[in-house]
Amino acid sequence: QLVESGGGLVQPGGSLRLSCEASGFNLKDYAIGWFRQFPGNEREGVACISSTDDIPYYDDSVKGRFTVSRDKAENTVYLQLNSLKPEDTALYSCAAVEIVGSSYICGIWTSDYDHWGQGTQVTVST
């Protein structure tokens, strides 16, 4: 099970840190993706982190503002959101897929993942 937390209401230019905590399995062998969903739209990938060496990848829409990281001791993956804009308002979810062997890449397509959390709402507004 994946559980996200850390969402909330923040002013434009503000920051939030989202957490994706796993229970029942160890995330160290999993690639993790972060996605967001706007009302009435499909999920879109914003960032991911590889299972080997924690190499991140970002969509251009968030590059330079969002940072994905992993804490193996806490069995948690984080998404740091900085310089938030109103258009970042969405439901943010994490997803996981187990990787057998070494992999230094990750994907931000929903089809890349088979474990999903319920999401945490991020609202950027004055």
Foldseek 3Di string as FASTA:
>chain_A
DWAKDWADEAAQQAKIKIKIADPPDQQLQKKKWKWWDDVPGDIWTAKIFFSPPGAMDGDPVQPPAWDWDDDRVRSMIMIMGGNDDQVVWTWMKMFIDGDDDDDGDDDTDPVRGDGIYPTDTHGYHD
